[in-house]
Each structure stands twice: as structure tokens, then as C-alpha cells.
């Protein structure tokens, strides 16, 4: 996983601390084999190259939050399940340097982060009804298309601007605005502004 300082410099309230690498290769391979799928099957259905899926399974590349979501949908699972290591830390508090970050490696010609990354706010493997991220969207970044899945979601825009489209209705949010909607409704987002946007984004159950 590659950590950059770009978001930190542009969002003065953010304190990222150190890096906590995320490795999902074993979980991804297990989920694929349980479904009886080949690398090519997952790649074709998710819209990525077989080479990229192989790199992710071998922990040679880390997918962006958007890429991970698309792969999870193909495997009929959630990002939380793919990210879980089965341990489940019991810490009540996670400091900035303890929160794992999902940020894509540069894999020329195979992976595009869509300008979106996230910090995980609930420990991997924890038995919980919630899934929570601190999402950062760079200027021009987006969800990479519509999403829809089970559950509900709520969010709060900490800084920047967010265009949120839910069931075809466009909402322009600014710092201090919040949102809530059923996750079954098609939804997408983008950052139309000139500075990074930060959103505290919570899903229940863990289905993103």
C-alpha cells in the first residue's frame, strides 16, 4: 500500500499519523475459491484485468475503495469481510496512526483510484453492525459509478464539497451537511470542488 501526503497537505484538519498496511490477498482468494470462480471470472465481471486481480491476491497491489467495492460485489460479499483478518481488535479508541488506510498503489494500465481513499474507523474482524470510514475524495474524484446494496448509510461532510446522487436526485453538500438514505437506492458521489473533501461515512450492516 502506498501512502501519499497530498490529502494531508490540502486538508489541514486531517492528521494521518503513520501507515498501517492493509493486506487482503488471503481473504480475496478464499472468497473467490468459495464461489468457485477463476481469476479471469472475477476480472471479467468486475471490469478489471486478470493481472490486477492476481496482484491483489498476492498482496502486490492494493485496490482503491472503489475497486474493492466492485470486487466485493462480484464475490457476493462486503468490503468489511474482505478486509477482516478474523482478529477483531477490542480497542475503544483508534489513534490516527492505528487506523488502516485504503489507498491504491500505482499499477499503470490496470488500476485507477478515482481519487478516493479511506481510513477504516472500525477494527477489521470486529463483530459489529456498523461499517465506518473516513473517506477522502480528491478534486474531480468520484465513486466510479453507481452503487446499490443492502442496508442504510449516513454521512457527515467534514470539509470540502460533495455531489451526492441518490435514486437519480442530485444533492450538493458542503462542510457541515449530513445525509441519510437506504443503500438499496442507486447512489454515487463526486467532488466538484478545488480542494479534497472529507466525509465520515457509516453503513449498517457492513455491506459496502
Protein backbone atom coordinates (compact mmCIF):
# COMPACT_ATOMS: atom_id res chain seq x y z
CA UNK A 1 0.00 0.00 0.00
CA UNK A 2 1.28 3.46 -0.91
CA UNK A 3 0.65 6.44 1.38
CA UNK A 4 0.86 9.95 -0.03
CA UNK A 5 0.91 13.34 1.65
CA UNK A 6 -1.32 15.02 -0.93
CA UNK A 7 -4.53 14.77 1.07
CA UNK A 8 -2.80 15.79 4.26
CA UNK A 9 -1.42 18.97 2.76
CA UNK A 10 -4.72 20.03 1.28
CA UNK A 11 -6.89 19.18 4.31
CA UNK A 12 -5.36 20.95 7.31
CA UNK A 13 -7.65 19.32 9.86
CA UNK A 14 -6.52 15.82 8.94
CA UNK A 15 -3.83 14.07 10.96
CA UNK A 16 -2.95 10.80 9.30
CA UNK A 17 -0.09 9.75 11.52
CA UNK A 18 1.82 6.65 10.46
CA UNK A 19 1.00 3.96 7.96
CA UNK A 20 -0.82 0.74 8.83
CA UNK A 21 -0.66 -1.53 5.78
CA UNK A 22 -3.77 -3.33 4.59
CA UNK A 23 -3.38 -6.80 3.09
CA UNK A 24 -6.43 -8.60 1.70
CA UNK A 25 -4.87 -11.26 -0.55
CA UNK A 26 -5.78 -14.31 1.55
CA UNK A 27 -9.36 -13.16 2.16
CA UNK A 28 -9.89 -12.32 -1.51
CA UNK A 29 -8.53 -15.67 -2.71
CA UNK A 30 -10.66 -17.54 -0.16
CA UNK A 31 -13.83 -15.68 -1.20
CA UNK A 32 -13.09 -16.36 -4.88
CA UNK A 33 -12.47 -20.09 -4.33
CA UNK A 34 -15.61 -20.44 -2.20
CA UNK A 35 -17.58 -19.03 -5.14
CA UNK A 36 -15.79 -21.44 -7.50
CA UNK A 37 -14.52 -18.59 -9.68
CA UNK A 38 -11.29 -18.29 -11.66
CA UNK A 39 -9.17 -15.16 -11.63
CA UNK A 40 -10.47 -14.44 -15.14
CA UNK A 41 -14.08 -14.78 -13.98
CA UNK A 42 -13.63 -12.16 -11.25
CA UNK A 43 -11.65 -9.89 -13.55
CA UNK A 44 -14.25 -10.02 -16.34
CA UNK A 45 -17.22 -9.44 -14.04
CA UNK A 46 -15.54 -6.60 -12.12
CA UNK A 47 -14.22 -4.96 -15.28
CA UNK A 48 -10.52 -5.23 -14.42
CA UNK A 49 -7.57 -7.17 -15.78
CA UNK A 50 -6.76 -10.69 -14.61
CA UNK A 51 -3.27 -9.37 -13.84
CA UNK A 52 -4.64 -6.83 -11.36
CA UNK A 53 -6.78 -9.42 -9.51
CA UNK A 54 -3.73 -11.69 -9.29
CA UNK A 55 -1.58 -8.85 -7.92
CA UNK A 56 -4.18 -8.05 -5.26
CA UNK A 57 -4.44 -11.72 -4.22
CA UNK A 58 -0.65 -11.86 -3.88
CA UNK A 59 -0.53 -8.57 -1.94
CA UNK A 60 1.46 -6.92 -4.72
CA UNK A 61 -1.17 -4.23 -5.27
CA UNK A 62 -3.78 -2.61 -3.04
CA UNK A 63 -7.11 -1.74 -4.67
CA UNK A 64 -8.78 1.59 -4.11
CA UNK A 65 -12.00 1.69 -2.12
CA UNK A 66 -13.95 1.86 -5.41
CA UNK A 67 -12.12 -1.13 -6.92
CA UNK A 68 -12.53 -3.12 -3.72
CA UNK A 69 -16.24 -2.42 -3.65
CA UNK A 70 -16.68 -3.68 -7.23
CA UNK A 71 -14.73 -6.87 -6.48
CA UNK A 72 -16.75 -7.47 -3.31
CA UNK A 73 -19.99 -7.19 -5.29
CA UNK A 74 -18.77 -9.80 -7.78
CA UNK A 75 -18.00 -12.17 -4.90
CA UNK A 76 -21.34 -11.52 -3.15
CA UNK A 77 -19.54 -10.24 -0.08
CA UNK A 78 -18.67 -6.91 1.54
CA UNK A 79 -15.54 -4.83 1.87
CA UNK A 80 -15.68 -5.46 5.62
CA UNK A 81 -15.49 -9.22 5.04
CA UNK A 82 -12.57 -8.90 2.62
CA UNK A 83 -10.72 -6.57 4.97
CA UNK A 84 -11.32 -8.69 8.06
CA UNK A 85 -8.39 -10.72 9.37
CA UNK A 86 -10.58 -12.53 11.90
CA UNK A 87 -8.84 -10.92 14.85
CA UNK A 88 -11.12 -8.10 15.80
CA UNK A 89 -9.25 -5.57 17.90
CA UNK A 90 -11.09 -4.60 21.07
CA UNK A 91 -9.67 -1.06 21.29
CA UNK A 92 -12.26 1.55 22.20
CA UNK A 93 -10.09 4.29 20.69
CA UNK A 94 -8.02 4.22 17.50
CA UNK A 95 -5.49 6.99 17.03
CA UNK A 96 -4.70 8.31 13.51
CA UNK A 97 -1.62 6.06 13.23
CA UNK A 98 -3.70 2.98 14.20
CA UNK A 99 -6.40 3.41 11.55
CA UNK A 100 -5.68 1.34 8.42
CA UNK A 101 -5.83 3.31 5.18
CA UNK A 102 -7.20 2.07 1.87
CA UNK A 103 -5.29 3.83 -0.89
CA UNK A 104 -4.48 2.28 -4.25
CA UNK A 105 -0.99 1.51 -5.44
CA UNK A 106 0.03 2.89 -8.81
CA UNK A 107 -0.44 -0.01 -11.22
CA UNK A 108 -0.06 1.52 -14.71
CA UNK A 109 -2.77 0.50 -17.12
CA UNK A 110 -4.66 -1.62 -14.60
CA UNK A 111 -5.89 0.35 -11.60
CA UNK A 112 -7.45 3.76 -11.10
CA UNK A 113 -8.21 5.00 -7.62
CA UNK A 114 -10.79 7.50 -8.95
CA UNK A 115 -9.23 9.97 -6.50
CA UNK A 116 -10.82 8.26 -3.50
CA UNK A 117 -9.23 6.75 -0.40
CA UNK A 118 -10.43 5.89 3.09
CA UNK A 119 -9.38 5.34 6.69
CA UNK A 120 -11.08 2.45 8.48
CA UNK A 121 -12.81 3.59 11.68
CA UNK A 122 -13.98 0.20 12.97
CA UNK A 123 -11.32 -2.52 13.51
CA UNK A 124 -11.20 -5.32 10.94
CA UNK A 125 -12.77 -8.51 12.19
CA UNK A 126 -14.82 -6.77 14.85
CA UNK A 127 -18.30 -8.24 15.34
CA UNK A 128 -20.39 -5.17 14.69
CA UNK A 129 -23.48 -3.99 12.86
CA UNK A 130 -21.63 -0.93 11.60
CA UNK A 131 -19.06 -0.22 8.90
CA UNK A 132 -17.43 3.21 9.11
CA UNK A 133 -14.82 5.05 7.07
CA UNK A 134 -13.25 8.48 6.89
CA UNK A 135 -13.47 8.93 3.11
CA UNK A 136 -11.29 11.42 1.23
CA UNK A 137 -12.20 12.40 -2.30
CA UNK A 138 -9.69 14.43 -4.29
CA UNK A 139 -10.91 17.22 -6.62
CA UNK A 140 -12.56 15.53 -9.58
CA UNK A 141 -12.63 12.19 -7.73
CA UNK A 142 -15.75 10.06 -7.63
CA UNK A 143 -17.33 6.74 -6.70
CA UNK A 144 -16.61 5.49 -10.22
CA UNK A 145 -20.27 4.88 -10.99
CA UNK A 146 -23.45 3.96 -9.13
CA UNK A 147 -23.61 1.59 -6.19
CA UNK A 148 -26.51 -0.21 -4.53
CA UNK A 149 -26.52 -2.85 -1.81
CA UNK A 150 -28.35 -3.87 1.34
CA UNK A 151 -28.60 -1.64 4.41
CA UNK A 152 -28.64 2.05 5.21
CA UNK A 153 -25.98 4.74 5.29
CA UNK A 154 -25.40 8.06 6.96
CA UNK A 155 -22.63 10.56 6.44
CA UNK A 156 -21.25 13.92 7.53
CA UNK A 157 -19.16 16.21 5.32
CA UNK A 158 -16.22 17.44 7.39
CA UNK A 159 -14.71 19.68 4.74
CA UNK A 160 -14.95 20.39 1.03
CA UNK A 161 -17.90 19.80 -1.31
CA UNK A 162 -19.77 16.68 -2.31
CA UNK A 163 -22.23 16.00 -5.09
CA UNK A 164 -24.34 13.05 -3.91
CA UNK A 165 -26.79 11.45 -6.33
CA UNK A 166 -29.41 9.15 -4.78
CA UNK A 167 -32.02 7.43 -6.92
CA UNK A 168 -31.43 9.99 -9.69
CA UNK A 169 -31.78 13.05 -7.43
CA UNK A 170 -28.69 15.28 -7.20
CA UNK A 171 -27.70 16.86 -3.88
CA UNK A 172 -24.88 19.41 -3.47
CA UNK A 173 -23.44 19.19 0.04
CA UNK A 174 -20.92 21.46 1.76
CA UNK A 175 -18.97 21.26 5.03
CA UNK A 176 -21.32 20.67 7.95
CA UNK A 177 -24.04 18.98 5.87
CA UNK A 178 -25.12 15.39 6.56
CA UNK A 179 -27.07 12.76 4.65
CA UNK A 180 -29.01 9.54 5.13
CA UNK A 181 -30.55 7.10 2.65
CA UNK A 182 -31.35 3.41 2.11
CA UNK A 183 -28.37 1.72 0.45
CA UNK A 184 -30.71 -0.18 -1.88
CA UNK A 185 -31.27 3.07 -3.80
CA UNK A 186 -28.70 3.59 -6.58
CA UNK A 187 -26.20 6.18 -5.39
CA UNK A 188 -22.97 7.80 -6.45
CA UNK A 189 -20.78 10.71 -5.42
CA UNK A 190 -18.13 13.10 -6.69
CA UNK A 191 -16.06 16.05 -5.56
CA UNK A 192 -16.75 19.10 -7.79
CA UNK A 193 -14.55 21.43 -5.77
CA UNK A 194 -10.93 22.56 -5.90
CA UNK A 195 -9.89 21.02 -2.56
CA UNK A 196 -10.18 17.49 -1.12
CA UNK A 197 -13.47 16.52 0.51
CA UNK A 198 -13.63 14.50 3.74
CA UNK A 199 -16.71 12.54 4.74
CA UNK A 200 -17.41 10.42 7.81
CA UNK A 201 -19.35 7.59 6.10
CA UNK A 202 -21.21 4.86 8.02
CA UNK A 203 -23.04 1.81 6.69
CA UNK A 204 -25.22 -0.69 8.53
CA UNK A 205 -25.00 -3.63 8.26
CA UNK A 206 -21.44 -3.92 6.89
CA UNK A 207 -22.39 -4.27 3.24
CA UNK A 208 -20.33 -1.74 1.30
